[in-house]
Amino acid sequence: MERIFSFFLSLVLAASCAACGSPTNSDGAPLPENGAGSSAVSGSDQSSGVQNTPEGNTGAETGGRVLVAYFSATGTTRDVAETLAQSLNADLFEILPAQPYTAADLDYNSDCRANAEQQDKIARPAIASGCVVENWASYDVVLLGHPIWWGIPPKIMRTFAESYDWSGKTVAGFCTSGGSAYSNTGLPELTEGAVWLEGKRFSGAVSPDDIAGWAEDLHLHAADAQAADQLQVSFNGHTYTAALADNTSAAAFAALLAENGGSLTIQAHDYGRFEKVGELPASLPQNDEPIDAAAGDLILYQGNNIVLYYSTNSWTFTRLGRLEGDLSALEADLGEGNVEITYSLAG
């Protein structure tokens, strides 16, 4: 189970800015449409004619646990990134290209540079010299932002992904687009060892409250970052240890426990004479698959119900973990009818 990372989501108005270079202006231009199947990079996101010079800051100044890293152009992605950093009290880092994109480079009606890069499977546009995240290892959570070109992230995002060790990090992507859906195509495979949470697409007219709301829904809250690969599951005076699954659902469940002081008590009822099911206080990301559940399995059902199996059942749902050790008395320990079950982070 990858490390589960946590932090308090506080709506504050100050954030550490860690761009490797500062653009001379941000025009805040509205984001053009670039729906799925669009023939190019309309919706590109660079301020025309702005020359970014990677002098001064060369990385994160404060070494906080949360980093918002983004590539922007017209300023649309930058605006979202800045709002996220303010909402999360996170460090902010701008990914600057070694060769800034001009208006001609983004003219999707021509044989432009951006078109050529997006259609080249091995393209890796260079990042500006000195544009490096310092204290990279200190970050537990990285939010990656970018526009959508040709239905996927600009290829410079792959350059950035290949530049760092992602082991043990939690990653959530966000994009800005007038029409295309969210995409992180090409990035998860380049960030080996990271846990990816569900990403989000924002339009150019998104409100700060909607941006902060998405960050809150990621369930990345807690007092301290911690390794969480086990739970304690207690009921009727009995306590079992459970191993968490290695997926974003289990990561979000652990974070939900952490933000609630490390444990949650669920009022569960019996269903079908094979499971105890109770409603969670928040919905979690789903990773549904066909599962032959057995006694001891912890299952997420429909995103907001946690199920503890004491017998067998087959269905499509999400695995959260499994009780360990001798389970021969599990059904008797749970008892008949309703039961109060407490799920706690171990250690």
Protein backbone atom coordinates (compact mmCIF):
# COMPACT_ATOMS: atom_id res chain seq x y z
CA MET A 1 0.00 0.00 0.00
CA GLU A 2 1.46 3.34 -1.02
CA ARG A 3 1.87 5.96 1.67
CA ILE A 4 -1.30 7.84 2.46
CA PHE A 5 -0.66 11.52 2.62
CA SER A 6 -2.65 14.03 4.49
CA PHE A 7 -3.03 17.67 5.23
CA PHE A 8 -5.53 20.22 6.54
CA LEU A 9 -7.61 21.92 3.86
CA SER A 10 -7.87 25.48 5.17
CA LEU A 11 -9.23 28.32 3.10
CA VAL A 12 -6.51 30.87 3.63
CA LEU A 13 -5.35 33.71 1.46
CA ALA A 14 -1.59 33.15 1.59
CA ALA A 15 0.45 30.55 -0.26
CA SER A 16 4.13 30.08 -1.00
CA CYS A 17 4.87 30.82 -4.64
CA ALA A 18 7.61 28.62 -6.07
CA ALA A 19 7.65 29.32 -9.79
CA CYS A 20 11.02 28.96 -11.42
CA GLY A 21 10.31 32.06 -13.47
CA SER A 22 7.77 34.86 -13.36
CA PRO A 23 5.85 35.87 -16.47
CA THR A 24 5.65 39.56 -17.11
CA ASN A 25 1.88 39.49 -17.31
CA SER A 26 -1.11 37.16 -17.10
CA ASP A 27 -3.75 38.13 -19.58
CA GLY A 28 -6.46 35.88 -18.16
CA ALA A 29 -7.75 35.28 -21.68
CA PRO A 30 -10.91 33.15 -21.91
CA LEU A 31 -10.27 29.53 -22.71
CA PRO A 32 -11.25 28.57 -26.28
CA GLU A 33 -13.23 25.42 -26.95
CA ASN A 34 -11.27 22.28 -27.75
CA GLY A 35 -13.70 19.44 -27.48
CA ALA A 36 -12.78 15.81 -27.92
CA GLY A 37 -11.79 15.17 -31.50
CA SER A 38 -10.63 18.73 -32.06
CA SER A 39 -7.93 18.86 -34.66
CA ALA A 40 -5.40 20.76 -32.62
CA VAL A 41 -4.50 22.78 -29.57
CA SER A 42 -7.25 25.33 -29.42
CA GLY A 43 -7.67 25.85 -25.72
CA SER A 44 -3.92 26.22 -25.46
CA ASP A 45 -2.99 28.16 -22.42
CA GLN A 46 -0.03 30.46 -22.97
CA SER A 47 0.01 34.24 -22.81
CA SER A 48 0.99 35.38 -26.29
CA GLY A 49 4.40 37.02 -26.42
CA VAL A 50 5.22 36.58 -22.74
CA GLN A 51 8.87 35.74 -22.21
CA ASN A 52 9.48 33.64 -19.13
CA THR A 53 12.99 33.96 -17.74
CA PRO A 54 14.05 31.32 -15.20
CA GLU A 55 16.00 33.71 -13.01
CA GLY A 56 15.56 34.14 -9.28
CA ASN A 57 13.55 31.31 -7.74
CA THR A 58 14.64 27.87 -8.84
CA GLY A 59 12.18 25.80 -6.88
CA ALA A 60 9.94 25.56 -3.88
CA GLU A 61 11.05 27.99 -1.21
CA THR A 62 9.27 26.58 1.83
CA GLY A 63 9.52 22.82 1.26
CA GLY A 64 5.91 22.29 2.30
CA ARG A 65 4.19 18.95 2.07
CA VAL A 66 1.84 19.98 -0.75
CA LEU A 67 2.94 21.24 -4.14
CA VAL A 68 0.80 22.62 -6.95
CA ALA A 69 2.87 22.29 -10.15
CA TYR A 70 1.45 23.57 -13.40
CA PHE A 71 2.14 24.51 -17.00
CA SER A 72 0.13 27.48 -18.27
CA ALA A 73 -0.16 29.77 -21.27
CA THR A 74 -3.08 32.21 -21.49
CA GLY A 75 -3.21 32.30 -17.71
CA THR A 76 -6.27 30.07 -17.33
CA THR A 77 -4.44 27.12 -15.78
CA ARG A 78 -2.33 29.54 -13.77
CA ASP A 79 -5.44 31.10 -12.25
CA VAL A 80 -6.76 27.71 -11.16
CA ALA A 81 -3.35 26.68 -9.80
CA GLU A 82 -3.00 29.85 -7.77
CA THR A 83 -6.46 29.38 -6.28
CA LEU A 84 -5.65 25.80 -5.35
CA ALA A 85 -2.39 26.84 -3.72
CA GLN A 86 -4.18 29.53 -1.72
CA SER A 87 -6.93 27.12 -0.67
CA LEU A 88 -4.50 24.43 0.42
CA ASN A 89 -1.75 26.67 1.79
CA ALA A 90 0.45 24.83 -0.69
CA ASP A 91 3.63 25.74 -2.54
CA LEU A 92 3.24 26.81 -6.16
CA PHE A 93 5.58 25.86 -9.00
CA GLU A 94 5.31 26.93 -12.65
CA ILE A 95 6.73 24.61 -15.30
CA LEU A 96 8.39 26.87 -17.88
CA PRO A 97 9.50 25.70 -21.33
CA ALA A 98 13.07 26.31 -22.45
CA GLN A 99 11.62 27.72 -25.66
CA PRO A 100 8.48 29.70 -24.79
CA TYR A 101 5.46 29.10 -26.98
CA THR A 102 4.58 31.97 -29.28
CA ALA A 103 1.19 32.66 -30.80
CA ALA A 104 2.46 31.08 -34.03
CA ASP A 105 3.53 27.97 -32.10
CA LEU A 106 -0.08 27.57 -30.95
CA ASP A 107 -1.81 28.33 -34.26
CA TYR A 108 -3.61 25.02 -34.60
CA ASN A 109 -4.79 25.86 -38.12
CA SER A 110 -1.21 25.62 -39.30
CA ASP A 111 1.63 23.12 -39.11
CA CYS A 112 2.58 24.63 -35.76
CA ARG A 113 5.06 23.52 -33.14
CA ALA A 114 2.43 22.42 -30.61
CA ASN A 115 0.61 20.31 -33.19
CA ALA A 116 3.85 18.61 -34.15
CA GLU A 117 4.74 17.89 -30.51
CA GLN A 118 1.34 16.46 -29.66
CA GLN A 119 1.43 14.12 -32.65
CA ASP A 120 4.97 12.96 -31.89
CA LYS A 121 4.81 10.00 -29.50
CA ILE A 122 8.33 10.59 -28.20
CA ALA A 123 8.32 14.39 -28.02
CA ARG A 124 9.73 15.79 -24.78
CA PRO A 125 9.87 19.61 -24.95
CA ALA A 126 12.71 20.90 -22.79
CA ILE A 127 12.05 22.67 -19.51
CA ALA A 128 13.85 25.97 -18.89
CA SER A 129 17.30 25.78 -17.34
CA GLY A 130 17.09 26.21 -13.59
CA CYS A 131 13.39 25.41 -13.51
CA VAL A 132 13.74 22.72 -10.85
CA VAL A 133 11.64 21.85 -7.80
CA GLU A 134 13.98 22.08 -4.85
CA ASN A 135 13.31 19.87 -1.82
CA TRP A 136 11.24 17.59 -4.03
CA ALA A 137 11.47 14.76 -1.51
CA SER A 138 9.71 16.86 1.13
CA TYR A 139 6.44 16.90 -0.81
CA ASP A 140 3.92 14.18 -0.06
CA VAL A 141 1.16 15.44 -2.36
CA VAL A 142 1.54 16.93 -5.84
CA LEU A 143 -1.30 18.50 -7.78
CA LEU A 144 -0.44 18.64 -11.49
CA GLY A 145 -2.15 21.21 -13.69
CA HIS A 146 -2.12 21.79 -17.45
CA PRO A 147 -4.31 22.72 -20.41
CA ILE A 148 -5.54 20.09 -22.89
CA TRP A 149 -3.96 19.95 -26.34
CA TRP A 150 -5.21 17.39 -28.81
CA GLY A 151 -7.28 15.82 -26.04
CA ILE A 152 -4.26 15.10 -23.79
CA PRO A 153 -1.78 17.03 -21.60
CA PRO A 154 0.93 19.01 -23.43
CA LYS A 155 4.02 16.88 -23.92
CA ILE A 156 6.06 19.12 -21.61
CA MET A 157 4.15 17.48 -18.76
CA ARG A 158 5.84 14.19 -19.67
CA THR A 159 9.21 15.95 -19.51
CA PHE A 160 8.36 17.12 -16.02
CA ALA A 161 7.10 13.69 -14.94
CA GLU A 162 10.32 12.01 -16.07
CA SER A 163 12.44 14.49 -14.13
CA TYR A 164 11.56 13.32 -10.61
CA ASP A 165 11.19 10.29 -8.37
CA TRP A 166 7.48 9.88 -7.59
CA SER A 167 7.79 7.01 -5.12
CA GLY A 168 5.41 7.40 -2.19
CA LYS A 169 3.67 10.50 -3.51
CA THR A 170 -0.05 11.09 -3.93
CA VAL A 171 -0.90 12.82 -7.21
CA ALA A 172 -4.08 14.50 -8.39
CA GLY A 173 -4.30 16.08 -11.81
CA PHE A 174 -6.36 19.02 -12.98
CA CYS A 175 -6.75 20.58 -16.39
CA THR A 176 -8.38 23.58 -18.01
CA SER A 177 -10.37 23.12 -21.18
CA GLY A 178 -13.31 24.67 -22.93
CA GLY A 179 -14.68 21.33 -24.08
CA SER A 180 -12.35 18.34 -23.78
CA ALA A 181 -12.66 15.97 -20.85
CA TYR A 182 -10.00 15.61 -18.17
CA SER A 183 -7.01 13.54 -19.27
CA ASN A 184 -3.73 12.51 -17.69
CA THR A 185 -2.75 10.36 -20.66
CA GLY A 186 0.95 9.48 -20.64
CA LEU A 187 1.61 10.60 -17.07
CA PRO A 188 0.73 7.74 -14.66
CA GLU A 189 3.16 5.37 -16.36
CA LEU A 190 5.93 7.97 -15.95
CA THR A 191 5.27 8.46 -12.23
CA GLU A 192 5.97 4.97 -10.95
CA GLY A 193 5.33 4.58 -7.24
CA ALA A 194 2.73 7.35 -7.05
CA VAL A 195 -0.92 6.93 -6.12
CA TRP A 196 -3.14 8.85 -8.55
CA LEU A 197 -6.44 10.23 -7.34
CA GLU A 198 -9.33 11.15 -9.58
CA GLY A 199 -8.60 14.24 -11.66
CA LYS A 200 -10.72 17.23 -12.58
CA ARG A 201 -11.40 19.44 -15.59
CA PHE A 202 -12.13 23.13 -15.02
CA SER A 203 -13.54 25.63 -17.48
CA GLY A 204 -12.23 29.16 -17.74
CA ALA A 205 -15.21 30.47 -15.77
CA VAL A 206 -14.84 28.21 -12.72
CA SER A 207 -15.35 29.85 -9.33
CA PRO A 208 -12.80 29.77 -6.49
CA ASP A 209 -15.34 27.92 -4.34
CA ASP A 210 -15.68 25.15 -6.96
CA ILE A 211 -11.90 24.80 -7.14
CA ALA A 212 -11.56 24.58 -3.35
CA GLY A 213 -14.48 22.15 -3.25
CA TRP A 214 -12.71 19.76 -5.60
CA ALA A 215 -9.60 19.81 -3.46
CA GLU A 216 -11.71 19.04 -0.39
CA ASP A 217 -13.40 16.13 -2.17
CA LEU A 218 -10.02 14.47 -2.68
CA HIS A 219 -10.00 13.60 1.05
CA LEU A 220 -6.37 14.49 1.53
CA HIS A 221 -6.95 15.95 4.99
CA ALA A 222 -5.29 15.05 8.27
CA ALA A 223 -2.93 16.38 10.89
CA ASP A 224 0.24 14.69 9.71
CA ALA A 225 1.43 12.62 6.79
CA GLN A 226 1.57 9.00 7.79
CA ALA A 227 2.14 5.53 6.45
CA ALA A 228 -1.23 3.78 6.57
CA ASP A 229 -1.37 0.29 5.19
CA GLN A 230 -3.28 -1.31 8.05
CA LEU A 231 -6.50 -0.76 9.96
CA GLN A 232 -7.97 -1.99 13.19
CA VAL A 233 -11.57 -3.14 12.89
CA SER A 234 -13.43 -3.42 16.20
CA PHE A 235 -16.92 -4.64 17.11
CA ASN A 236 -18.62 -6.34 20.06
CA GLY A 237 -15.41 -6.30 22.10
CA HIS A 238 -13.34 -7.95 19.35
CA THR A 239 -10.57 -6.29 17.33
CA TYR A 240 -9.16 -7.52 14.03
CA THR A 241 -6.29 -6.16 11.96
CA ALA A 242 -6.92 -5.43 8.28
CA ALA A 243 -4.51 -4.79 5.41
CA LEU A 244 -5.57 -1.96 3.11
CA ALA A 245 -5.79 -2.51 -0.64
CA ASP A 246 -3.37 -0.69 -2.93
CA ASN A 247 -5.77 1.64 -4.76
CA THR A 248 -7.05 5.20 -4.61
CA SER A 249 -10.24 4.11 -2.85
CA ALA A 250 -8.35 2.65 0.11
CA ALA A 251 -6.08 5.72 0.15
CA ALA A 252 -9.11 7.99 0.31
CA PHE A 253 -10.68 5.85 3.05
CA ALA A 254 -7.52 6.10 5.16
CA ALA A 255 -7.46 9.87 4.61
CA LEU A 256 -11.12 10.07 5.63
CA LEU A 257 -10.29 8.24 8.85
CA ALA A 258 -7.36 10.57 9.45
CA GLU A 259 -9.44 13.70 9.04
CA ASN A 260 -11.90 12.27 11.56
CA GLY A 261 -9.29 11.82 14.24
CA GLY A 262 -8.07 8.44 13.03
CA SER A 263 -11.27 6.44 13.31
CA LEU A 264 -14.91 6.20 12.29
CA THR A 265 -17.71 4.26 13.94
CA ILE A 266 -20.23 2.93 11.45
CA GLN A 267 -23.71 1.68 12.24
CA ALA A 268 -23.90 -1.46 10.12
CA HIS A 269 -26.84 -3.72 9.37
CA ASP A 270 -26.94 -7.28 8.16
CA TYR A 271 -27.68 -7.94 4.52
CA GLY A 272 -28.24 -11.28 2.83
CA ARG A 273 -26.80 -13.24 5.75
CA PHE A 274 -23.30 -12.71 4.34
CA GLU A 275 -22.30 -9.08 5.10
CA LYS A 276 -22.53 -6.12 7.45
CA VAL A 277 -23.00 -2.85 5.57
CA GLY A 278 -23.04 0.76 6.76
CA GLU A 279 -23.03 4.23 5.20
CA LEU A 280 -19.88 6.34 5.17
CA PRO A 281 -20.04 10.09 5.93
CA ALA A 282 -18.54 10.90 2.51
CA SER A 283 -18.26 9.28 -0.91
CA LEU A 284 -14.93 7.79 -1.97
CA PRO A 285 -13.48 7.23 -5.46
CA GLN A 286 -14.51 3.87 -6.89
CA ASN A 287 -12.31 1.23 -8.52
CA ASP A 288 -15.03 -1.28 -9.30
CA GLU A 289 -14.22 -4.73 -10.60
CA PRO A 290 -15.86 -8.20 -10.45
CA ILE A 291 -14.95 -9.67 -7.06
CA ASP A 292 -15.67 -13.01 -5.42
CA ALA A 293 -15.89 -11.69 -1.87
CA ALA A 294 -15.10 -13.97 1.06
CA ALA A 295 -15.20 -13.72 4.84
CA GLY A 296 -12.96 -10.87 6.00
CA ASP A 297 -13.14 -8.76 2.85
CA LEU A 298 -13.67 -5.03 3.24
CA ILE A 299 -15.61 -3.65 0.28
CA LEU A 300 -16.71 -0.22 -0.93
CA TYR A 301 -20.18 -0.35 -2.45
CA GLN A 302 -21.60 2.44 -4.61
CA GLY A 303 -18.93 4.82 -3.33
CA ASN A 304 -20.46 5.57 0.07
CA ASN A 305 -21.09 2.21 1.78
CA ILE A 306 -18.49 0.10 3.56
CA VAL A 307 -19.14 -3.64 3.75
CA LEU A 308 -17.54 -6.26 5.99
CA TYR A 309 -18.12 -9.78 4.67
CA TYR A 310 -18.47 -12.76 6.95
CA SER A 311 -19.49 -15.12 4.14
CA THR A 312 -19.27 -15.20 0.34
CA ASN A 313 -20.81 -13.17 -2.45
CA SER A 314 -19.89 -12.22 -6.02
CA TRP A 315 -20.53 -8.78 -7.45
CA THR A 316 -18.88 -5.75 -9.03
CA PHE A 317 -17.52 -3.38 -6.42
CA THR A 318 -14.30 -1.92 -4.97
CA ARG A 319 -11.91 -3.69 -2.64
CA LEU A 320 -10.77 -1.62 0.35
CA GLY A 321 -8.84 -4.30 2.21
CA ARG A 322 -9.06 -7.59 4.07
CA LEU A 323 -8.98 -8.78 7.67
CA GLU A 324 -5.89 -10.77 8.60
CA GLY A 325 -5.34 -13.74 10.85
CA ASP A 326 -7.77 -16.41 12.06
CA LEU A 327 -11.26 -15.57 10.78
CA SER A 328 -13.01 -18.73 11.92
CA ALA A 329 -14.97 -16.87 14.62
CA LEU A 330 -15.71 -13.77 12.53
CA GLU A 331 -19.40 -14.48 11.95
CA ALA A 332 -19.99 -15.28 15.62
CA ASP A 333 -18.05 -12.20 16.74
CA LEU A 334 -20.15 -9.96 14.51
CA GLY A 335 -23.36 -11.46 15.85
CA GLU A 336 -26.80 -11.33 14.32
CA GLY A 337 -28.52 -8.17 13.17
CA ASN A 338 -27.15 -4.66 13.52
CA VAL A 339 -23.62 -4.04 14.78
CA GLU A 340 -21.48 -0.98 15.56
CA ILE A 341 -18.13 -1.27 13.76
CA THR A 342 -15.19 1.05 14.40
CA TYR A 343 -12.53 1.40 11.70
CA SER A 344 -9.25 2.91 12.95
CA LEU A 345 -5.84 3.64 11.47
CA ALA A 346 -3.35 1.21 12.94
CA GLY A 347 -0.31 2.55 14.75
